[in-house]
């Protein structure tokens, strides 16, 4: 029996499992057991019927064979979820222990990445073609041929993104961050060295595409431009309309499309926050008789925002909160306080990241802990409206939620 959903050919992953049942059953019994025994096991987001309706998982395929009054079968479930969610679905299916009136055992055989299978088939076929070609020709420049083949593979990985059909890498949607580059050749060069989350601005020197503006609102964005005057102009136009987080440039006089892998890595590692870039950028010299250039509303707002960041003073910390800094130092513990500064919970730093979300119903106001402030903890604090987040030290944080005062022990008690 096959139930509705995406087809296996359109899925990212295929869950393959084996089942053994102590009795004679039908295919429909297997599917019924999967739906029945997994219903309500997790929240509605992972209900199998809902996943089918939304096209997150595909048609469940069952192949059965009966021998000696026992049933043996193979189960196949296509998945368009991410890796972690697909693994969770596989684990849920393995939890089924009865099918019909009989005891059953379902075992995961493996999870197949259909995209990698397609890539492997292409590579195997390319190898066959190359070998046949070599047999027919006495002298073949294999290096040149492989370079050409790699170029074709990279170009095949290129996608068209958004209504403007912008050239992009295949992981723009999946990645939490994107790299904005000038054109198609830049995207292809980044693909060559494994950067699959790049997207072309598509002529942003004249007009920034709406797709780019929307992406900048939801993802961490680094603009990576040529080291020439054209790159300067595109960056200026981009900063007027889009929320850019970081700026990276190719070496002076070079273009992104001609950089080596080492040069790309070095340029991206040298990226600077956009606020720092605005502060350090030198204004163009104006002639004494030249009229001042018009300033857009966006430019004024951006300059004001940068000035606020520079001039913003550290907010005062209530004494009772500050007192916990000395109490917790060296304990590897965390304390969660409500708005009256009463303790809601005291827990170890190790379990804090997992349990902090569970305290949202108690209206947490401040969190003080003897640990590292990570991006995950900071995002969770923002989600549950924590006002003060104070940790021993600051980790690798690239985005700070508005409304969360983030301080280290040294900030509070130097």
Protein backbone atom coordinates (compact mmCIF):
# COMPACT_ATOMS: atom_id res chain seq x y z
CA UNK A 1 0.00 0.00 0.00
CA UNK A 2 1.36 3.44 -0.89
CA UNK A 3 0.13 6.60 0.83
CA UNK A 4 0.12 10.10 -0.66
CA UNK A 5 3.05 12.55 -0.45
CA UNK A 6 6.22 13.48 -2.31
CA UNK A 7 7.70 10.90 -4.64
CA UNK A 8 11.02 9.19 -3.76
CA UNK A 9 12.72 10.85 -6.73
CA UNK A 10 11.95 14.29 -5.29
CA UNK A 11 13.11 13.51 -1.74
CA UNK A 12 16.43 14.50 -0.18
CA UNK A 13 16.67 11.36 1.95
CA UNK A 14 15.21 7.82 1.92
CA UNK A 15 14.69 5.98 5.22
CA UNK A 16 15.09 2.20 4.69
CA UNK A 17 14.00 -0.19 7.43
CA UNK A 18 13.27 -3.92 7.88
CA UNK A 19 10.39 -5.38 9.88
CA UNK A 20 9.78 -8.84 11.33
CA UNK A 21 6.30 -9.71 12.65
CA UNK A 22 5.28 -12.83 14.62
CA UNK A 23 2.21 -13.47 12.45
CA UNK A 24 0.66 -13.02 9.01
CA UNK A 25 -0.19 -9.41 8.17
CA UNK A 26 -0.89 -7.12 5.20
CA UNK A 27 0.97 -4.05 4.01
CA UNK A 28 -1.85 -1.86 5.28
CA UNK A 29 -1.30 -3.26 8.78
CA UNK A 30 2.30 -2.00 8.74
CA UNK A 31 1.34 1.52 7.64
CA UNK A 32 -1.55 1.60 10.10
CA UNK A 33 0.79 0.63 12.94
CA UNK A 34 3.30 3.34 11.99
CA UNK A 35 0.59 5.99 12.02
CA UNK A 36 -1.23 4.66 15.06
CA UNK A 37 1.69 4.04 17.42
CA UNK A 38 3.58 7.25 16.55
CA UNK A 39 0.57 9.57 16.85
CA UNK A 40 1.02 11.97 19.76
CA UNK A 41 4.49 10.65 20.59
CA UNK A 42 5.94 14.10 19.86
CA UNK A 43 4.30 17.46 19.17
CA UNK A 44 2.01 18.04 16.18
CA UNK A 45 4.96 19.23 14.09
CA UNK A 46 6.15 15.61 13.82
CA UNK A 47 2.74 13.96 13.37
CA UNK A 48 3.07 11.67 10.34
CA UNK A 49 -0.24 12.72 8.79
CA UNK A 50 0.66 16.40 9.07
CA UNK A 51 4.11 15.74 7.60
CA UNK A 52 2.51 13.92 4.65
CA UNK A 53 0.00 16.72 4.01
CA UNK A 54 2.76 19.33 4.04
CA UNK A 55 5.00 17.28 1.76
CA UNK A 56 7.71 16.97 4.42
CA UNK A 57 7.73 13.17 4.10
CA UNK A 58 6.61 11.12 1.13
CA UNK A 59 4.70 7.99 0.26
CA UNK A 60 5.37 5.09 2.60
CA UNK A 61 6.23 1.99 0.60
CA UNK A 62 6.00 -1.51 2.15
CA UNK A 63 7.14 -4.80 0.58
CA UNK A 64 6.09 -7.96 2.50
CA UNK A 65 6.92 -11.66 2.35
CA UNK A 66 5.32 -14.39 4.53
CA UNK A 67 7.26 -17.46 5.64
CA UNK A 68 6.53 -20.02 8.38
CA UNK A 69 3.59 -17.98 9.74
CA UNK A 70 5.82 -14.92 10.09
CA UNK A 71 5.91 -11.76 8.02
CA UNK A 72 9.11 -10.12 6.82
CA UNK A 73 9.15 -6.78 5.09
CA UNK A 74 11.01 -3.72 3.85
CA UNK A 75 9.80 -0.18 4.59
CA UNK A 76 10.79 2.91 2.61
CA UNK A 77 9.94 6.47 3.69
CA UNK A 78 11.09 9.46 1.55
CA UNK A 79 11.97 12.61 3.56
CA UNK A 80 12.38 16.27 2.71
CA UNK A 81 13.25 17.15 6.32
CA UNK A 82 16.77 18.09 7.38
CA UNK A 83 19.26 15.48 8.62
CA UNK A 84 18.39 15.77 12.32
CA UNK A 85 14.63 15.63 11.70
CA UNK A 86 15.01 12.69 9.30
CA UNK A 87 16.99 10.81 11.96
CA UNK A 88 14.20 11.56 14.46
CA UNK A 89 11.56 10.16 12.09
CA UNK A 90 13.64 6.99 11.61
CA UNK A 91 13.91 6.58 15.38
CA UNK A 92 10.14 7.06 15.81
CA UNK A 93 9.46 4.32 13.24
CA UNK A 94 11.86 1.95 15.02
CA UNK A 95 9.79 2.49 18.19
CA UNK A 96 6.80 0.59 16.68
CA UNK A 97 6.61 -2.76 18.52
CA UNK A 98 3.23 -4.17 17.45
CA UNK A 99 1.66 -4.61 14.02
CA UNK A 100 -1.90 -5.84 14.05
CA UNK A 101 -2.26 -8.27 16.98
CA UNK A 102 1.34 -9.46 16.72
CA UNK A 103 4.67 -8.50 18.24
CA UNK A 104 6.88 -6.70 15.75
CA UNK A 105 10.46 -5.55 15.41
CA UNK A 106 11.45 -2.70 13.07
CA UNK A 107 15.15 -2.11 12.45
CA UNK A 108 16.72 0.78 10.54
CA UNK A 109 18.81 -0.44 7.58
CA UNK A 110 20.10 3.01 6.75
CA UNK A 111 19.29 6.49 5.48
CA UNK A 112 20.13 7.17 1.86
CA UNK A 113 21.14 10.66 0.72
CA UNK A 114 19.56 10.76 -2.74
CA UNK A 115 21.54 13.83 -3.76
CA UNK A 116 24.84 12.10 -3.07
CA UNK A 117 23.62 9.04 -4.97
CA UNK A 118 22.95 11.24 -7.99
CA UNK A 119 26.39 12.86 -7.70
CA UNK A 120 28.04 9.44 -7.43
CA UNK A 121 26.19 8.21 -10.53
CA UNK A 122 27.34 11.27 -12.45
CA UNK A 123 30.95 10.75 -11.35
CA UNK A 124 30.90 7.03 -12.22
CA UNK A 125 29.42 7.79 -15.63
CA UNK A 126 31.96 10.58 -16.20
CA UNK A 127 34.74 8.12 -15.42
CA UNK A 128 33.33 5.65 -17.96
CA UNK A 129 33.13 8.37 -20.60
CA UNK A 130 36.69 9.45 -19.88
CA UNK A 131 38.00 5.88 -20.10
CA UNK A 132 36.23 5.32 -23.45
CA UNK A 133 37.59 8.59 -24.72
CA UNK A 134 41.14 7.64 -23.75
CA UNK A 135 40.82 4.35 -25.63
CA UNK A 136 39.88 6.19 -28.82
CA UNK A 137 42.56 8.87 -28.58
CA UNK A 138 46.26 8.19 -28.13
CA UNK A 139 47.04 11.50 -26.44
CA UNK A 140 44.57 13.17 -24.12
CA UNK A 141 45.29 16.05 -21.75
CA UNK A 142 43.60 14.48 -18.70
CA UNK A 143 44.23 17.48 -16.46
CA UNK A 144 42.57 19.84 -18.88
CA UNK A 145 39.66 17.41 -19.30
CA UNK A 146 39.14 17.08 -15.54
CA UNK A 147 39.24 20.85 -15.13
CA UNK A 148 36.56 21.14 -17.80
CA UNK A 149 34.54 18.39 -16.12
CA UNK A 150 34.79 20.10 -12.74
CA UNK A 151 33.66 23.34 -14.33
CA UNK A 152 30.59 21.60 -15.75
CA UNK A 153 29.82 20.03 -12.36
CA UNK A 154 30.05 23.41 -10.65
CA UNK A 155 27.83 24.99 -13.27
CA UNK A 156 25.30 22.17 -12.86
CA UNK A 157 25.20 22.89 -9.10
CA UNK A 158 24.25 26.50 -9.82
CA UNK A 159 20.58 27.33 -9.24
CA UNK A 160 18.28 30.23 -10.08
CA UNK A 161 16.96 31.86 -6.90
CA UNK A 162 13.91 34.07 -6.38
CA UNK A 163 11.62 35.74 -8.93
CA UNK A 164 14.63 37.62 -10.34
CA UNK A 165 16.29 34.21 -11.06
CA UNK A 166 19.54 35.23 -9.39
CA UNK A 167 22.53 32.88 -9.80
CA UNK A 168 23.14 31.11 -6.47
CA UNK A 169 24.67 28.11 -4.76
CA UNK A 170 22.41 25.19 -3.81
CA UNK A 171 22.45 25.85 -0.04
CA UNK A 172 21.21 29.45 0.15
CA UNK A 173 17.90 28.34 1.70
CA UNK A 174 19.40 25.77 4.09
CA UNK A 175 22.24 27.93 5.43
CA UNK A 176 21.84 30.41 8.31
CA UNK A 177 24.17 32.81 6.50
CA UNK A 178 24.64 33.94 2.90
CA UNK A 179 27.50 35.48 0.92
CA UNK A 180 26.46 38.24 -1.50
CA UNK A 181 28.70 38.50 -4.58
CA UNK A 182 28.50 40.59 -7.73
CA UNK A 183 27.89 38.10 -10.52
CA UNK A 184 27.52 34.56 -11.83
CA UNK A 185 31.27 33.99 -12.24
CA UNK A 186 31.82 34.88 -8.57
CA UNK A 187 29.22 32.30 -7.46
CA UNK A 188 30.86 29.64 -9.65
CA UNK A 189 34.31 30.37 -8.21
CA UNK A 190 33.03 30.08 -4.65
CA UNK A 191 31.29 26.81 -5.56
CA UNK A 192 34.62 25.52 -6.85
CA UNK A 193 36.08 25.86 -3.36
CA UNK A 194 33.09 24.51 -1.45
CA UNK A 195 31.14 27.69 -0.62
CA UNK A 196 27.56 26.72 -1.52
CA UNK A 197 25.66 29.60 0.12
CA UNK A 198 26.67 32.42 -2.24
CA UNK A 199 24.14 34.43 -4.29
CA UNK A 200 24.65 36.97 -7.05
CA UNK A 201 23.43 40.56 -6.68
CA UNK A 202 22.43 40.55 -10.35
CA UNK A 203 23.50 44.06 -11.34
CA UNK A 204 23.02 45.74 -7.95
CA UNK A 205 24.99 48.75 -9.15
CA UNK A 206 21.70 49.95 -10.63
CA UNK A 207 19.05 48.36 -8.43
CA UNK A 208 19.24 45.93 -5.52
CA UNK A 209 16.86 42.97 -6.12
CA UNK A 210 13.99 42.61 -3.65
CA UNK A 211 15.05 38.98 -3.03
CA UNK A 212 18.40 40.22 -1.69
CA UNK A 213 16.71 42.76 0.61
CA UNK A 214 14.42 40.05 2.05
CA UNK A 215 17.29 37.56 2.54
CA UNK A 216 19.22 40.19 4.49
CA UNK A 217 16.33 40.50 6.95
CA UNK A 218 16.36 36.81 7.96
CA UNK A 219 19.96 35.59 7.50
CA UNK A 220 23.41 36.65 8.61
CA UNK A 221 24.74 38.41 5.53
CA UNK A 222 28.31 39.01 4.33
CA UNK A 223 28.81 41.02 1.15
CA UNK A 224 31.97 39.90 -0.70
CA UNK A 225 32.95 42.31 -3.48
CA UNK A 226 35.76 42.99 -5.95
CA UNK A 227 38.65 45.16 -4.77
CA UNK A 228 37.94 47.98 -7.22
CA UNK A 229 35.84 51.11 -7.68
CA UNK A 230 32.91 49.05 -8.96
CA UNK A 231 32.83 47.14 -5.70
CA UNK A 232 32.76 50.45 -3.79
CA UNK A 233 29.74 51.65 -5.75
CA UNK A 234 27.81 48.40 -5.27
CA UNK A 235 28.53 48.40 -1.54
CA UNK A 236 27.30 51.98 -1.21
CA UNK A 237 24.04 51.15 -3.01
CA UNK A 238 23.57 47.98 -0.95
CA UNK A 239 24.04 49.74 2.41
CA UNK A 240 21.29 52.19 1.50
CA UNK A 241 18.55 49.55 1.31
CA UNK A 242 19.67 46.26 2.89
CA UNK A 243 20.57 45.04 6.40
CA UNK A 244 24.16 43.91 5.88
CA UNK A 245 26.07 42.30 8.79
CA UNK A 246 29.62 41.98 7.43
CA UNK A 247 31.77 43.34 4.59
CA UNK A 248 34.58 41.38 2.88
CA UNK A 249 36.64 42.58 -0.09
CA UNK A 250 38.94 40.91 -2.60
CA UNK A 251 42.56 42.15 -2.55
CA UNK A 252 42.99 45.58 -4.15
CA UNK A 253 42.70 45.36 -7.93
CA UNK A 254 41.47 41.73 -7.91
CA UNK A 255 38.05 40.25 -8.67
CA UNK A 256 36.30 37.56 -6.64
CA UNK A 257 35.94 35.35 -9.72
CA UNK A 258 39.75 35.04 -10.13
CA UNK A 259 40.70 34.38 -6.48
CA UNK A 260 42.28 31.13 -5.34
CA UNK A 261 40.78 29.09 -2.53
CA UNK A 262 43.37 30.45 -0.09
CA UNK A 263 42.63 34.05 -1.12
CA UNK A 264 38.88 33.51 -0.72
CA UNK A 265 39.33 32.05 2.76
CA UNK A 266 41.66 34.88 3.80
CA UNK A 267 39.25 37.55 2.52
CA UNK A 268 36.23 36.03 4.28
CA UNK A 269 38.18 35.58 7.53
CA UNK A 270 39.12 39.27 7.35
CA UNK A 271 35.50 40.42 7.06
CA UNK A 272 34.50 43.33 9.31
CA UNK A 273 31.13 44.25 10.86
CA UNK A 274 29.28 46.78 8.74
CA UNK A 275 29.27 49.31 11.60
CA UNK A 276 33.07 49.18 11.73
CA UNK A 277 33.25 49.55 7.97
CA UNK A 278 31.02 52.65 8.04
CA UNK A 279 33.15 54.18 10.80
CA UNK A 280 36.48 53.60 9.03
CA UNK A 281 35.36 54.48 5.50
CA UNK A 282 36.89 57.80 4.37
CA UNK A 283 34.44 60.30 2.78
CA UNK A 284 35.30 61.44 -0.77
CA UNK A 285 36.98 64.80 -1.13
CA UNK A 286 34.68 67.53 -2.36
CA UNK A 287 35.71 70.52 -4.39
CA UNK A 288 35.26 73.91 -2.65
CA UNK A 289 32.83 74.95 -5.37
CA UNK A 290 31.03 71.61 -5.55
CA UNK A 291 27.53 71.31 -4.16
CA UNK A 292 27.27 68.79 -1.26
CA UNK A 293 25.96 65.41 -2.32
CA UNK A 294 22.37 64.62 -1.33
CA UNK A 295 21.95 62.27 1.67
CA UNK A 296 19.17 59.68 1.56
CA UNK A 297 16.92 58.92 4.50
CA UNK A 298 18.43 55.43 4.71
CA UNK A 299 21.96 56.90 4.92
CA UNK A 300 20.93 59.27 7.72
CA UNK A 301 19.24 56.44 9.65
CA UNK A 302 22.26 54.17 9.22
CA UNK A 303 24.68 56.88 10.40
CA UNK A 304 22.48 57.54 13.42
CA UNK A 305 22.34 53.82 14.24
CA UNK A 306 26.13 53.54 14.06
CA UNK A 307 26.51 56.62 16.27
CA UNK A 308 24.13 55.12 18.84
CA UNK A 309 26.23 51.94 18.97
CA UNK A 310 29.41 53.97 19.51
CA UNK A 311 27.93 56.30 22.14
CA UNK A 312 25.69 53.81 23.95
CA UNK A 313 26.60 53.55 27.63
CA UNK A 314 26.54 50.29 29.51
CA UNK A 315 23.18 50.03 31.36
CA UNK A 316 23.27 49.87 35.16
CA UNK A 317 22.92 46.40 36.66
CA UNK A 318 20.71 46.00 39.77
CA UNK A 319 22.88 45.34 42.83
CA UNK A 320 21.11 42.07 43.64
CA UNK A 321 21.89 40.72 40.16
CA UNK A 322 25.51 41.90 40.39
CA UNK A 323 25.89 40.11 43.73
CA UNK A 324 25.31 36.76 42.01
CA UNK A 325 28.44 37.30 39.90
CA UNK A 326 30.67 36.87 42.97
CA UNK A 327 28.54 34.02 44.34
CA UNK A 328 28.59 32.01 41.12
CA UNK A 329 32.21 32.55 40.05
CA UNK A 330 33.95 29.16 39.82
CA UNK A 331 30.79 27.13 40.55
CA UNK A 332 29.75 26.25 36.95
CA UNK A 333 26.17 27.02 38.03
CA UNK A 334 23.38 29.24 36.67
CA UNK A 335 20.67 31.22 38.46
CA UNK A 336 17.44 32.41 36.82
CA UNK A 337 15.61 35.36 38.45
CA UNK A 338 12.12 36.81 37.97
CA UNK A 339 11.32 40.54 37.73
CA UNK A 340 11.25 40.79 41.55
CA UNK A 341 14.78 39.30 41.48
CA UNK A 342 13.65 36.15 43.25
CA UNK A 343 15.24 32.85 42.19
CA UNK A 344 13.13 30.84 39.74
CA UNK A 345 15.70 28.12 39.22
CA UNK A 346 19.28 27.14 39.99
CA UNK A 347 20.90 24.62 37.66
CA UNK A 348 24.25 23.53 36.26
CA UNK A 349 25.71 25.33 33.27
CA UNK A 350 25.90 22.01 31.41
CA UNK A 351 22.10 21.60 31.38
CA UNK A 352 21.29 25.29 31.02
CA UNK A 353 21.09 25.42 27.21
CA UNK A 354 18.46 22.65 27.17
CA UNK A 355 16.38 23.74 30.19
CA UNK A 356 16.31 27.51 29.76
CA UNK A 357 13.48 27.33 27.20
CA UNK A 358 11.36 25.33 29.67
CA UNK A 359 11.35 28.29 32.09
CA UNK A 360 9.61 30.66 29.66
CA UNK A 361 6.28 30.27 31.49
CA UNK A 362 7.83 31.64 34.70
CA UNK A 363 8.67 35.01 33.08
CA UNK A 364 12.47 34.95 33.59
CA UNK A 365 13.95 38.42 33.92
CA UNK A 366 17.68 37.81 34.48
CA UNK A 367 20.08 34.91 33.97
CA UNK A 368 23.51 34.84 35.64
CA UNK A 369 25.77 31.86 34.97
CA UNK A 370 29.41 30.78 35.33
CA UNK A 371 29.84 29.79 31.70
CA UNK A 372 30.35 30.99 28.13
CA UNK A 373 27.65 33.10 26.44
CA UNK A 374 27.08 31.19 23.20
CA UNK A 375 24.91 32.16 20.24
CA UNK A 376 22.44 29.39 21.15
CA UNK A 377 22.01 30.64 24.75
CA UNK A 378 21.74 34.24 23.56
CA UNK A 379 19.03 33.36 21.01
CA UNK A 380 17.08 31.37 23.63
CA UNK A 381 17.28 34.32 26.06
CA UNK A 382 15.84 36.57 23.37
CA UNK A 383 13.05 34.09 22.61
CA UNK A 384 11.86 33.98 26.26
CA UNK A 385 12.26 37.78 26.80
CA UNK A 386 15.16 37.71 29.29
CA UNK A 387 16.25 41.29 30.07
CA UNK A 388 19.73 40.59 31.54
CA UNK A 389 22.08 37.79 30.41
CA UNK A 390 25.36 37.74 32.36
CA UNK A 391 27.98 35.04 31.76
CA UNK A 392 31.59 34.44 32.72
CA UNK A 393 32.77 35.32 29.22
CA UNK A 394 31.49 35.97 25.69
CA UNK A 395 31.85 33.23 23.07
CA UNK A 396 31.64 33.38 19.27
CA UNK A 397 28.51 35.55 18.98
CA UNK A 398 27.57 37.18 15.68
CA UNK A 399 24.04 38.41 16.42
CA UNK A 400 22.55 39.92 19.59
CA UNK A 401 18.76 39.97 20.09
CA UNK A 402 17.27 43.40 20.74
CA UNK A 403 16.21 43.95 24.33
CA UNK A 404 18.71 41.54 25.93
CA UNK A 405 21.44 43.29 27.94
CA UNK A 406 24.43 40.99 27.46
CA UNK A 407 27.33 41.38 29.89
CA UNK A 408 30.30 39.38 31.15
CA UNK A 409 31.42 38.94 34.78
CA UNK A 410 34.22 41.39 34.08
CA UNK A 411 31.73 44.01 32.82
CA UNK A 412 29.74 43.77 36.04
CA UNK A 413 32.59 43.27 38.52
CA UNK A 414 35.95 44.29 36.94
